[in-house]
Amino acid sequence: MEISKRLIPVNFTKGGNAKLGVVIHTMVGNLDGTDSWFRNPASGVSSHYGIDLDGSRVFQWVEENDIAQAQGLVSVPTFKLTVDRPGINPNTYLISIECADGNNPAGADRSKQIPVIVELVRDICKRNNIPMDRQHLCGHREIRSTKTCPGNLDVDEIVRQVAVQAEHITDDQKRALEFINANKGTSNFEGAVRQWLGAFNDKPVLENKAKQLDGLIAKWVVQWNLASSSGLVEVEAEMAKLMPLEEVAQEYRESIEQCVGTFPDDLRLLEAHTTVRKQIDDLSSQVSALQTKLNDAKVPVGYKFLKSWTLTSLLFKLYKRTVT
């Protein structure tokens, strides 16, 4: 769907409130005639969008965040957004779409126009975070009861198609939406189904995360020399063993930081480094032997690191006692 921007210089108000819903109108005319009428300052009316009867052209006359002068008069409204906002001009919170009808609003052939209406409504709702349901989409006569607008356009059917054709919709979602339409009077059912729809939308994301977790589990099983049949339970048990070891390691880190802080100048620090380096070299064979034993014992990698770290930390502690 291509939208031709034909922004008008008159008959609208700049800025406004966030848009909460969409209103469908019929033109009682054609697209070009309506385009000329909206550009006439004497008309005093406008709309955000217009769609030709054959669906071949879509015009935009007013930006979505601006106020079109399409349905300002309110009379015995049934549209919930308007009923809940008495005294507030519906133009300020609604986006309007005019649909050509060839001067035959009650009998026009809408077969080519409706798919374009559905696509445009869906795009508007996505851009403005408007729910694609009957509480947020209406025909003009649901705001002004003295009107017959939008003629023979079936808003219920348009809303159904908008919802069914929403992006990434699944068979489960289609069945759920059909359930909603069949039980419109039962709000509790509708709320539950809409929660299920959200879960269905998240399903690909959840499946991807599950695959990532499976990959990590397989990696940990190999790295920690666990049995090939090990799963998340076994991996979590191994992690539980490492947690207290990590706390011990942190204590040693803090000890080293305290030790380094006792050196008054760089020369003493260099001397300390030389002394500790020699001690580490002397113990390198012991460290190597310890690592071999740990490998044979199939101990987690984190534990191997901790053990070698502990030896080094103890040497720093030993030096600290000698210099203080």
C-alpha atoms as a PDB file:
ATOM      1  CA  MET A   1       0.000   0.000   0.000  1.00  0.00           C
ATOM      2  CA  GLU A   2       1.415   3.356  -1.064  1.00  0.00           C
ATOM      3  CA  ILE A   3       0.231   6.513   0.659  1.00  0.00           C
ATOM      4  CA  SER A   4       0.307   9.767  -1.293  1.00  0.00           C
ATOM      5  CA  LYS A   5       0.944  12.673   1.070  1.00  0.00           C
ATOM      6  CA  ARG A   6      -1.326  15.537   0.069  1.00  0.00           C
ATOM      7  CA  LEU A   7      -1.189  17.538   3.290  1.00  0.00           C
ATOM      8  CA  ILE A   8      -3.702  20.369   3.335  1.00  0.00           C
ATOM      9  CA  PRO A   9      -2.885  23.890   4.588  1.00  0.00           C
ATOM     10  CA  VAL A  10      -6.321  24.521   6.129  1.00  0.00           C
ATOM     11  CA  ASN A  11      -9.131  22.878   8.088  1.00  0.00           C
ATOM     12  CA  PHE A  12      -7.009  21.184  10.747  1.00  0.00           C
ATOM     13  CA  THR A  13      -5.352  22.004  14.078  1.00  0.00           C
ATOM     14  CA  LYS A  14      -1.678  21.511  14.729  1.00  0.00           C
ATOM     15  CA  GLY A  15      -0.781  19.156  17.578  1.00  0.00           C
ATOM     16  CA  GLY A  16      -3.183  17.480  19.978  1.00  0.00           C
ATOM     17  CA  ASN A  17      -3.568  14.553  22.331  1.00  0.00           C
ATOM     18  CA  ALA A  18      -2.302  11.028  21.798  1.00  0.00           C
ATOM     19  CA  LYS A  19      -4.571   9.168  19.396  1.00  0.00           C
ATOM     20  CA  LEU A  20      -6.661   6.450  21.013  1.00  0.00           C
ATOM     21  CA  GLY A  21      -8.825   5.102  18.197  1.00  0.00           C
ATOM     22  CA  VAL A  22      -9.794   5.090  14.502  1.00  0.00           C
ATOM     23  CA  VAL A  23     -13.068   6.216  12.874  1.00  0.00           C
ATOM     24  CA  ILE A  24     -14.296   4.977   9.470  1.00  0.00           C
ATOM     25  CA  HIS A  25     -16.256   7.416   7.252  1.00  0.00           C
ATOM     26  CA  THR A  26     -17.870   7.233   3.831  1.00  0.00           C
ATOM     27  CA  MET A  27     -17.395  10.232   1.503  1.00  0.00           C
ATOM     28  CA  VAL A  28     -20.685  10.363  -0.386  1.00  0.00           C
ATOM     29  CA  GLY A  29     -18.463  11.084  -3.371  1.00  0.00           C
ATOM     30  CA  ASN A  30     -15.063  10.267  -4.847  1.00  0.00           C
ATOM     31  CA  LEU A  31     -11.475  10.778  -3.756  1.00  0.00           C
ATOM     32  CA  ASP A  32     -10.612  13.685  -6.034  1.00  0.00           C
ATOM     33  CA  GLY A  33     -13.770  15.611  -5.163  1.00  0.00           C
ATOM     34  CA  THR A  34     -13.110  15.121  -1.441  1.00  0.00           C
ATOM     35  CA  ASP A  35      -9.505  16.209  -1.910  1.00  0.00           C
ATOM     36  CA  SER A  36     -10.712  19.507  -3.439  1.00  0.00           C
ATOM     37  CA  TRP A  37     -13.348  19.992  -0.729  1.00  0.00           C
ATOM     38  CA  PHE A  38     -10.842  19.549   2.105  1.00  0.00           C
ATOM     39  CA  ARG A  39      -8.575  22.166   0.503  1.00  0.00           C
ATOM     40  CA  ASN A  40     -11.366  24.704   0.465  1.00  0.00           C
ATOM     41  CA  PRO A  41     -11.206  26.896   3.618  1.00  0.00           C
ATOM     42  CA  ALA A  42     -14.983  27.371   3.393  1.00  0.00           C
ATOM     43  CA  SER A  43     -15.645  23.655   3.953  1.00  0.00           C
ATOM     44  CA  GLY A  44     -14.252  23.644   7.498  1.00  0.00           C
ATOM     45  CA  VAL A  45     -13.779  19.850   7.383  1.00  0.00           C
ATOM     46  CA  SER A  46     -10.955  17.367   6.811  1.00  0.00           C
ATOM     47  CA  SER A  47      -9.773  13.843   7.534  1.00  0.00           C
ATOM     48  CA  HIS A  48      -6.424  12.195   8.133  1.00  0.00           C
ATOM     49  CA  TYR A  49      -6.733   9.696   5.253  1.00  0.00           C
ATOM     50  CA  GLY A  50      -8.827   8.933   2.198  1.00  0.00           C
ATOM     51  CA  ILE A  51      -9.145   5.711   0.153  1.00  0.00           C
ATOM     52  CA  ASP A  52     -10.410   5.400  -3.437  1.00  0.00           C
ATOM     53  CA  LEU A  53     -13.315   3.044  -4.120  1.00  0.00           C
ATOM     54  CA  ASP A  54     -11.151   0.618  -6.080  1.00  0.00           C
ATOM     55  CA  GLY A  55      -8.393   0.762  -3.447  1.00  0.00           C
ATOM     56  CA  SER A  56      -5.841   2.005  -5.980  1.00  0.00           C
ATOM     57  CA  ARG A  57      -5.046   5.295  -4.207  1.00  0.00           C
ATOM     58  CA  VAL A  58      -4.623   6.379  -0.590  1.00  0.00           C
ATOM     59  CA  PHE A  59      -4.275  10.073   0.287  1.00  0.00           C
ATOM     60  CA  GLN A  60      -3.047  11.536   3.566  1.00  0.00           C
ATOM     61  CA  TRP A  61      -4.358  15.027   4.221  1.00  0.00           C
ATOM     62  CA  VAL A  62      -3.460  15.542   7.890  1.00  0.00           C
ATOM     63  CA  GLU A  63      -0.563  14.180   9.966  1.00  0.00           C
ATOM     64  CA  GLU A  64      -1.636  11.611  12.548  1.00  0.00           C
ATOM     65  CA  ASN A  65      -0.429  13.726  15.486  1.00  0.00           C
ATOM     66  CA  ASP A  66      -2.506  16.692  14.274  1.00  0.00           C
ATOM     67  CA  ILE A  67      -6.274  17.168  14.644  1.00  0.00           C
ATOM     68  CA  ALA A  68      -8.504  16.634  11.605  1.00  0.00           C
ATOM     69  CA  GLN A  69     -11.996  18.163  11.603  1.00  0.00           C
ATOM     70  CA  ALA A  70     -13.949  15.014  10.867  1.00  0.00           C
ATOM     71  CA  GLN A  71     -16.343  14.109  13.708  1.00  0.00           C
ATOM     72  CA  GLY A  72     -16.539  17.036  16.116  1.00  0.00           C
ATOM     73  CA  LEU A  73     -20.296  16.872  16.746  1.00  0.00           C
ATOM     74  CA  VAL A  74     -21.444  14.258  19.247  1.00  0.00           C
ATOM     75  CA  SER A  75     -25.013  12.940  19.480  1.00  0.00           C
ATOM     76  CA  VAL A  76     -26.103   9.954  21.614  1.00  0.00           C
ATOM     77  CA  PRO A  77     -22.769   8.166  21.124  1.00  0.00           C
ATOM     78  CA  THR A  78     -22.336   4.402  21.518  1.00  0.00           C
ATOM     79  CA  PHE A  79     -18.568   4.316  20.877  1.00  0.00           C
ATOM     80  CA  LYS A  80     -16.956   3.598  24.242  1.00  0.00           C
ATOM     81  CA  LEU A  81     -14.031   6.011  23.846  1.00  0.00           C
ATOM     82  CA  THR A  82     -16.482   8.857  23.256  1.00  0.00           C
ATOM     83  CA  VAL A  83     -18.986   7.766  25.912  1.00  0.00           C
ATOM     84  CA  ASP A  84     -16.159   7.759  28.454  1.00  0.00           C
ATOM     85  CA  ARG A  85     -15.077  11.298  27.461  1.00  0.00           C
ATOM     86  CA  PRO A  86     -18.163  13.522  27.661  1.00  0.00           C
ATOM     87  CA  GLY A  87     -17.548  17.113  26.656  1.00  0.00           C
ATOM     88  CA  ILE A  88     -14.245  16.306  24.885  1.00  0.00           C
ATOM     89  CA  ASN A  89     -14.059  16.836  21.118  1.00  0.00           C
ATOM     90  CA  PRO A  90     -13.465  13.350  19.620  1.00  0.00           C
ATOM     91  CA  ASN A  91     -11.326  14.913  16.880  1.00  0.00           C
ATOM     92  CA  THR A  92      -8.600  15.402  19.481  1.00  0.00           C
ATOM     93  CA  TYR A  93      -8.110  11.697  20.213  1.00  0.00           C
ATOM     94  CA  LEU A  94      -9.257   9.916  17.016  1.00  0.00           C
ATOM     95  CA  ILE A  95      -7.738   9.301  13.573  1.00  0.00           C
ATOM     96  CA  SER A  96     -10.245   9.443  10.712  1.00  0.00           C
ATOM     97  CA  ILE A  97     -10.375   7.589   7.384  1.00  0.00           C
ATOM     98  CA  GLU A  98     -12.687   8.712   4.547  1.00  0.00           C
ATOM     99  CA  CYS A  99     -13.726   5.996   2.062  1.00  0.00           C
ATOM    100  CA  ALA A 100     -14.962   6.845  -1.433  1.00  0.00           C
ATOM    101  CA  ASP A 101     -18.357   5.409  -2.402  1.00  0.00           C
ATOM    102  CA  GLY A 102     -19.118   6.837  -5.880  1.00  0.00           C
ATOM    103  CA  ASN A 103     -22.058   8.794  -4.408  1.00  0.00           C
ATOM    104  CA  ASN A 104     -23.664   5.498  -3.412  1.00  0.00           C
ATOM    105  CA  PRO A 105     -22.790   5.094   0.278  1.00  0.00           C
ATOM    106  CA  ALA A 106     -25.426   2.413   0.921  1.00  0.00           C
ATOM    107  CA  GLY A 107     -24.756   0.283  -2.158  1.00  0.00           C
ATOM    108  CA  ALA A 108     -21.130   0.798  -3.271  1.00  0.00           C
ATOM    109  CA  ASP A 109     -19.064  -2.256  -4.173  1.00  0.00           C
ATOM    110  CA  ARG A 110     -16.391  -2.213  -1.461  1.00  0.00           C
ATOM    111  CA  SER A 111     -14.697  -5.515  -2.389  1.00  0.00           C
ATOM    112  CA  LYS A 112     -11.451  -3.857  -3.561  1.00  0.00           C
ATOM    113  CA  GLN A 113     -11.547  -1.057  -1.031  1.00  0.00           C
ATOM    114  CA  ILE A 114     -11.919  -3.118   2.151  1.00  0.00           C
ATOM    115  CA  PRO A 115      -8.495  -4.871   1.975  1.00  0.00           C
ATOM    116  CA  VAL A 116      -6.851  -1.430   1.742  1.00  0.00           C
ATOM    117  CA  ILE A 117      -8.934  -0.115   4.661  1.00  0.00           C
ATOM    118  CA  VAL A 118      -7.848  -3.127   6.713  1.00  0.00           C
ATOM    119  CA  GLU A 119      -4.159  -2.615   5.884  1.00  0.00           C
ATOM    120  CA  LEU A 120      -4.295   1.109   6.630  1.00  0.00           C
ATOM    121  CA  VAL A 121      -6.146   0.635   9.933  1.00  0.00           C
ATOM    122  CA  ARG A 122      -3.652  -2.013  11.026  1.00  0.00           C
ATOM    123  CA  ASP A 123      -0.700   0.268  10.222  1.00  0.00           C
ATOM    124  CA  ILE A 124      -2.282   3.203  12.073  1.00  0.00           C
ATOM    125  CA  CYS A 125      -2.932   1.046  15.141  1.00  0.00           C
ATOM    126  CA  LYS A 126       0.622  -0.278  15.192  1.00  0.00           C
ATOM    127  CA  ARG A 127       2.147   3.197  14.895  1.00  0.00           C
ATOM    128  CA  ASN A 128      -0.038   4.619  17.655  1.00  0.00           C
ATOM    129  CA  ASN A 129      -0.218   1.569  19.960  1.00  0.00           C
ATOM    130  CA  ILE A 130      -3.984   1.361  19.462  1.00  0.00           C
ATOM    131  CA  PRO A 131      -5.568  -2.033  20.278  1.00  0.00           C
ATOM    132  CA  MET A 132      -7.046  -3.635  17.159  1.00  0.00           C
ATOM    133  CA  ASP A 133     -10.493  -4.257  18.587  1.00  0.00           C
ATOM    134  CA  ARG A 134     -14.064  -2.994  18.469  1.00  0.00           C
ATOM    135  CA  GLN A 135     -13.571  -0.774  21.525  1.00  0.00           C
ATOM    136  CA  HIS A 136     -11.025   1.310  19.599  1.00  0.00           C
ATOM    137  CA  LEU A 137     -12.381   1.251  16.019  1.00  0.00           C
ATOM    138  CA  CYS A 138     -15.819   2.554  15.025  1.00  0.00           C
ATOM    139  CA  GLY A 139     -18.013   3.986  12.304  1.00  0.00           C
ATOM    140  CA  HIS A 140     -18.936   7.691  12.337  1.00  0.00           C
ATOM    141  CA  ARG A 141     -22.565   7.035  13.308  1.00  0.00           C
ATOM    142  CA  GLU A 142     -21.377   5.482  16.594  1.00  0.00           C
ATOM    143  CA  ILE A 143     -20.278   9.002  17.590  1.00  0.00           C
ATOM    144  CA  ARG A 144     -23.062  10.991  15.927  1.00  0.00           C
ATOM    145  CA  SER A 145     -26.190   8.828  15.878  1.00  0.00           C
ATOM    146  CA  THR A 146     -28.018  11.066  13.379  1.00  0.00           C
ATOM    147  CA  LYS A 147     -25.525  10.035  10.681  1.00  0.00           C
ATOM    148  CA  THR A 148     -25.723   6.983   8.396  1.00  0.00           C
ATOM    149  CA  CYS A 149     -21.950   7.153   7.817  1.00  0.00           C
ATOM    150  CA  PRO A 150     -20.024   4.938   6.988  1.00  0.00           C
ATOM    151  CA  GLY A 151     -22.821   3.637   4.756  1.00  0.00           C
ATOM    152  CA  ASN A 152     -22.600  -0.058   3.928  1.00  0.00           C
ATOM    153  CA  LEU A 153     -19.105  -0.482   5.362  1.00  0.00           C
ATOM    154  CA  ASP A 154     -19.255  -3.261   7.973  1.00  0.00           C
ATOM    155  CA  VAL A 155     -16.982  -2.044  10.784  1.00  0.00           C
ATOM    156  CA  ASP A 156     -17.302  -5.367  12.627  1.00  0.00           C
ATOM    157  CA  GLU A 157     -15.945  -7.208   9.584  1.00  0.00           C
ATOM    158  CA  ILE A 158     -13.157  -4.660   9.110  1.00  0.00           C
ATOM    159  CA  VAL A 159     -12.089  -5.072  12.741  1.00  0.00           C
ATOM    160  CA  ARG A 160     -12.181  -8.856  12.391  1.00  0.00           C
ATOM    161  CA  GLN A 161      -9.919  -8.736   9.333  1.00  0.00           C
ATOM    162  CA  VAL A 162      -7.589  -6.209  10.966  1.00  0.00           C
ATOM    163  CA  ALA A 163      -7.095  -8.562  13.900  1.00  0.00           C
ATOM    164  CA  VAL A 164      -6.818 -11.739  11.812  1.00  0.00           C
ATOM    165  CA  GLN A 165      -4.228 -10.250   9.461  1.00  0.00           C
ATOM    166  CA  ALA A 166      -2.080  -8.830  12.269  1.00  0.00           C
ATOM    167  CA  GLU A 167       1.632  -9.560  11.939  1.00  0.00           C
ATOM    168  CA  HIS A 168       2.880 -13.052  12.960  1.00  0.00           C
ATOM    169  CA  ILE A 169      -0.649 -14.305  13.589  1.00  0.00           C
ATOM    170  CA  THR A 170      -0.899 -18.052  14.156  1.00  0.00           C
ATOM    171  CA  ASP A 171      -3.692 -20.597  13.781  1.00  0.00           C
ATOM    172  CA  ASP A 172      -4.107 -20.475  17.556  1.00  0.00           C
ATOM    173  CA  GLN A 173      -4.599 -16.704  17.387  1.00  0.00           C
ATOM    174  CA  LYS A 174      -7.126 -17.008  14.567  1.00  0.00           C
ATOM    175  CA  ARG A 175      -9.180 -19.456  16.608  1.00  0.00           C
ATOM    176  CA  ALA A 176      -8.915 -17.193  19.646  1.00  0.00           C
ATOM    177  CA  LEU A 177     -10.100 -14.155  17.679  1.00  0.00           C
ATOM    178  CA  GLU A 178     -13.016 -16.121  16.290  1.00  0.00           C
ATOM    179  CA  PHE A 179     -13.873 -17.031  19.880  1.00  0.00           C
ATOM    180  CA  ILE A 180     -13.801 -13.324  20.803  1.00  0.00           C
ATOM    181  CA  ASN A 181     -16.189 -12.421  17.982  1.00  0.00           C
ATOM    182  CA  ALA A 182     -18.543 -15.240  18.957  1.00  0.00           C
ATOM    183  CA  ASN A 183     -18.615 -14.097  22.602  1.00  0.00           C
ATOM    184  CA  LYS A 184     -18.613 -10.303  22.290  1.00  0.00           C
ATOM    185  CA  GLY A 185     -20.983  -9.852  25.201  1.00  0.00           C
ATOM    186  CA  THR A 186     -18.790 -11.736  27.654  1.00  0.00           C
ATOM    187  CA  SER A 187     -15.937  -9.426  28.601  1.00  0.00           C
ATOM    188  CA  ASN A 188     -14.261 -11.911  30.944  1.00  0.00           C
ATOM    189  CA  PHE A 189     -13.790 -14.399  28.117  1.00  0.00           C
ATOM    190  CA  GLU A 190     -12.380 -11.681  25.884  1.00  0.00           C
ATOM    191  CA  GLY A 191      -9.844 -10.550  28.483  1.00  0.00           C
ATOM    192  CA  ALA A 192      -8.624 -14.102  28.998  1.00  0.00           C
ATOM    193  CA  VAL A 193      -8.259 -14.726  25.277  1.00  0.00           C
ATOM    194  CA  ARG A 194      -6.304 -11.511  24.784  1.00  0.00           C
ATOM    195  CA  GLN A 195      -3.871 -12.658  27.463  1.00  0.00           C
ATOM    196  CA  TRP A 196      -3.452 -15.928  25.582  1.00  0.00           C
ATOM    197  CA  LEU A 197      -2.778 -13.995  22.386  1.00  0.00           C
ATOM    198  CA  GLY A 198       0.075 -12.204  24.105  1.00  0.00           C
ATOM    199  CA  ALA A 199       1.537 -15.543  25.145  1.00  0.00           C
ATOM    200  CA  PHE A 200       1.289 -16.806  21.574  1.00  0.00           C
ATOM    201  CA  ASN A 201       3.068 -13.696  20.294  1.00  0.00           C
ATOM    202  CA  ASP A 202       5.942 -14.347  22.711  1.00  0.00           C
ATOM    203  CA  LYS A 203       6.228 -18.027  21.776  1.00  0.00           C
ATOM    204  CA  PRO A 204       9.001 -17.602  19.129  1.00  0.00           C
ATOM    205  CA  VAL A 205      11.013 -15.514  21.595  1.00  0.00           C
ATOM    206  CA  LEU A 206      10.604 -18.122  24.314  1.00  0.00           C
ATOM    207  CA  GLU A 207      11.578 -20.924  21.938  1.00  0.00           C
ATOM    208  CA  ASN A 208      14.732 -19.048  20.966  1.00  0.00           C
ATOM    209  CA  LYS A 209      15.683 -18.517  24.609  1.00  0.00           C
ATOM    210  CA  ALA A 210      15.075 -22.217  25.282  1.00  0.00           C
ATOM    211  CA  LYS A 211      17.467 -23.137  22.462  1.00  0.00           C
ATOM    212  CA  GLN A 212      20.103 -20.811  23.889  1.00  0.00           C
ATOM    213  CA  LEU A 213      19.728 -22.412  27.314  1.00  0.00           C
ATOM    214  CA  ASP A 214      19.998 -25.906  25.807  1.00  0.00           C
ATOM    215  CA  GLY A 215      23.252 -24.842  24.146  1.00  0.00           C
ATOM    216  CA  LEU A 216      24.673 -23.511  27.406  1.00  0.00           C
ATOM    217  CA  ILE A 217      23.682 -26.669  29.277  1.00  0.00           C
ATOM    218  CA  ALA A 218      25.432 -28.831  26.677  1.00  0.00           C
ATOM    219  CA  LYS A 219      28.540 -26.638  26.941  1.00  0.00           C
ATOM    220  CA  TRP A 220      28.620 -26.820  30.749  1.00  0.00           C
ATOM    221  CA  VAL A 221      28.111 -30.600  30.723  1.00  0.00           C
ATOM    222  CA  VAL A 222      31.234 -31.005  28.599  1.00  0.00           C
ATOM    223  CA  GLN A 223      33.274 -28.327  30.406  1.00  0.00           C
ATOM    224  CA  TRP A 224      32.508 -29.720  33.856  1.00  0.00           C
ATOM    225  CA  ASN A 225      32.917 -33.373  32.796  1.00  0.00           C
ATOM    226  CA  LEU A 226      29.366 -34.256  33.784  1.00  0.00           C
ATOM    227  CA  ALA A 227      27.583 -37.345  32.498  1.00  0.00           C
ATOM    228  CA  SER A 228      26.382 -36.958  28.907  1.00  0.00           C
ATOM    229  CA  SER A 229      22.799 -37.492  30.063  1.00  0.00           C
ATOM    230  CA  SER A 230      23.002 -34.509  32.451  1.00  0.00           C
ATOM    231  CA  GLY A 231      20.416 -31.759  32.111  1.00  0.00           C
ATOM    232  CA  LEU A 232      19.481 -28.494  33.778  1.00  0.00           C
ATOM    233  CA  VAL A 233      19.015 -30.125  37.207  1.00  0.00           C
ATOM    234  CA  GLU A 234      22.553 -31.539  37.234  1.00  0.00           C
ATOM    235  CA  VAL A 235      24.043 -28.279  35.938  1.00  0.00           C
ATOM    236  CA  GLU A 236      22.221 -26.276  38.635  1.00  0.00           C
ATOM    237  CA  ALA A 237      23.569 -28.666  41.281  1.00  0.00           C
ATOM    238  CA  GLU A 238      27.114 -28.087  40.005  1.00  0.00           C
ATOM    239  CA  MET A 239      26.547 -24.341  40.058  1.00  0.00           C
ATOM    240  CA  ALA A 240      25.358 -24.578  43.660  1.00  0.00           C
ATOM    241  CA  LYS A 241      28.740 -26.075  44.562  1.00  0.00           C
ATOM    242  CA  LEU A 242      30.576 -23.183  42.922  1.00  0.00           C
ATOM    243  CA  MET A 243      28.656 -20.426  44.697  1.00  0.00           C
ATOM    244  CA  PRO A 244      30.306 -20.854  48.130  1.00  0.00           C
ATOM    245  CA  LEU A 245      33.678 -21.214  46.420  1.00  0.00           C
ATOM    246  CA  GLU A 246      33.135 -17.874  44.706  1.00  0.00           C
ATOM    247  CA  GLU A 247      32.470 -16.272  48.106  1.00  0.00           C
ATOM    248  CA  VAL A 248      35.798 -17.635  49.394  1.00  0.00           C
ATOM    249  CA  ALA A 249      37.548 -16.329  46.294  1.00  0.00           C
ATOM    250  CA  GLN A 250      36.125 -12.863  46.936  1.00  0.00           C
ATOM    251  CA  GLU A 251      37.560 -12.917  50.466  1.00  0.00           C
ATOM    252  CA  TYR A 252      40.992 -13.640  49.038  1.00  0.00           C
ATOM    253  CA  ARG A 253      40.632 -10.847  46.508  1.00  0.00           C
ATOM    254  CA  GLU A 254      39.887  -8.429  49.331  1.00  0.00           C
ATOM    255  CA  SER A 255      42.912  -9.718  51.285  1.00  0.00           C
ATOM    256  CA  ILE A 256      45.227  -9.029  48.345  1.00  0.00           C
ATOM    257  CA  GLU A 257      43.822  -5.526  47.930  1.00  0.00           C
ATOM    258  CA  GLN A 258      44.468  -4.844  51.623  1.00  0.00           C
ATOM    259  CA  CYS A 259      47.970  -6.220  51.287  1.00  0.00           C
ATOM    260  CA  VAL A 260      48.842  -4.037  48.304  1.00  0.00           C
ATOM    261  CA  GLY A 261      47.552  -1.042  50.181  1.00  0.00           C
ATOM    262  CA  THR A 262      50.264  -1.451  52.867  1.00  0.00           C
ATOM    263  CA  PHE A 263      53.144  -0.653  50.492  1.00  0.00           C
ATOM    264  CA  PRO A 264      54.297   2.963  51.035  1.00  0.00           C
ATOM    265  CA  ASP A 265      55.881   3.462  47.604  1.00  0.00           C
ATOM    266  CA  ASP A 266      56.506   1.867  44.224  1.00  0.00           C
ATOM    267  CA  LEU A 267      59.964   0.611  45.197  1.00  0.00           C
ATOM    268  CA  ARG A 268      58.579  -1.440  48.091  1.00  0.00           C
ATOM    269  CA  LEU A 269      55.828  -2.710  45.814  1.00  0.00           C
ATOM    270  CA  LEU A 270      58.441  -3.802  43.267  1.00  0.00           C
ATOM    271  CA  GLU A 271      60.444  -5.578  45.950  1.00  0.00           C
ATOM    272  CA  ALA A 272      57.317  -7.321  47.160  1.00  0.00           C
ATOM    273  CA  HIS A 273      56.458  -8.372  43.646  1.00  0.00           C
ATOM    274  CA  THR A 274      59.940  -9.830  43.148  1.00  0.00           C
ATOM    275  CA  THR A 275      59.734 -11.793  46.382  1.00  0.00           C
ATOM    276  CA  VAL A 276      56.274 -13.172  45.659  1.00  0.00           C
ATOM    277  CA  ARG A 277      57.237 -13.971  42.082  1.00  0.00           C
ATOM    278  CA  LYS A 278      60.099 -16.102  43.330  1.00  0.00           C
ATOM    279  CA  GLN A 279      57.825 -17.908  45.762  1.00  0.00           C
ATOM    280  CA  ILE A 280      55.299 -18.560  42.985  1.00  0.00           C
ATOM    281  CA  ASP A 281      58.031 -19.943  40.734  1.00  0.00           C
ATOM    282  CA  ASP A 282      59.155 -22.253  43.531  1.00  0.00           C
ATOM    283  CA  LEU A 283      55.613 -23.567  43.881  1.00  0.00           C
ATOM    284  CA  SER A 284      54.842 -23.870  40.159  1.00  0.00           C
ATOM    285  CA  SER A 285      55.495 -27.600  40.143  1.00  0.00           C
ATOM    286  CA  GLN A 286      53.113 -28.036  43.072  1.00  0.00           C
ATOM    287  CA  VAL A 287      50.436 -26.005  41.293  1.00  0.00           C
ATOM    288  CA  SER A 288      50.883 -28.138  38.181  1.00  0.00           C
ATOM    289  CA  ALA A 289      50.503 -31.295  40.206  1.00  0.00           C
ATOM    290  CA  LEU A 290      47.397 -29.938  41.894  1.00  0.00           C
ATOM    291  CA  GLN A 291      45.804 -29.078  38.567  1.00  0.00           C
ATOM    292  CA  THR A 292      46.512 -32.583  37.310  1.00  0.00           C
ATOM    293  CA  LYS A 293      44.805 -34.043  40.349  1.00  0.00           C
ATOM    294  CA  LEU A 294      41.847 -31.753  39.876  1.00  0.00           C
ATOM    295  CA  ASN A 295      41.517 -32.806  36.238  1.00  0.00           C
ATOM    296  CA  ASP A 296      41.594 -36.439  37.258  1.00  0.00           C
ATOM    297  CA  ALA A 297      38.927 -35.756  39.847  1.00  0.00           C
ATOM    298  CA  LYS A 298      36.693 -34.075  37.223  1.00  0.00           C
ATOM    299  CA  VAL A 299      36.236 -30.919  39.294  1.00  0.00           C
ATOM    300  CA  PRO A 300      34.515 -27.891  37.655  1.00  0.00           C
ATOM    301  CA  VAL A 301      36.765 -25.398  35.898  1.00  0.00           C
ATOM    302  CA  GLY A 302      35.788 -22.604  38.285  1.00  0.00           C
ATOM    303  CA  TYR A 303      37.040 -24.696  41.171  1.00  0.00           C
ATOM    304  CA  LYS A 304      40.393 -25.302  39.435  1.00  0.00           C
ATOM    305  CA  PHE A 305      40.851 -21.570  39.034  1.00  0.00           C
ATOM    306  CA  LEU A 306      39.915 -20.984  42.642  1.00  0.00           C
ATOM    307  CA  LYS A 307      42.513 -23.438  43.937  1.00  0.00           C
ATOM    308  CA  SER A 308      45.388 -21.888  41.978  1.00  0.00           C
ATOM    309  CA  TRP A 309      44.150 -18.437  42.999  1.00  0.00           C
ATOM    310  CA  THR A 310      44.078 -19.524  46.663  1.00  0.00           C
ATOM    311  CA  LEU A 311      47.762 -20.524  46.641  1.00  0.00           C
ATOM    312  CA  THR A 312      48.776 -17.155  45.235  1.00  0.00           C
ATOM    313  CA  SER A 313      46.561 -15.328  47.719  1.00  0.00           C
ATOM    314  CA  LEU A 314      48.096 -17.165  50.665  1.00  0.00           C
ATOM    315  CA  LEU A 315      51.554 -16.100  49.525  1.00  0.00           C
ATOM    316  CA  PHE A 316      50.455 -12.478  49.558  1.00  0.00           C
ATOM    317  CA  LYS A 317      49.074 -12.941  53.041  1.00  0.00           C
ATOM    318  CA  LEU A 318      52.358 -14.494  54.129  1.00  0.00           C
ATOM    319  CA  TYR A 319      54.283 -11.544  52.730  1.00  0.00           C
ATOM    320  CA  LYS A 320      51.943  -9.116  54.395  1.00  0.00           C
ATOM    321  CA  ARG A 321      52.761 -10.593  57.770  1.00  0.00           C
ATOM    322  CA  THR A 322      56.504 -10.253  57.080  1.00  0.00           C
ATOM    323  CA  VAL A 323      56.372  -6.580  56.124  1.00  0.00           C
ATOM    324  CA  THR A 324      54.054  -5.475  58.897  1.00  0.00           C
END
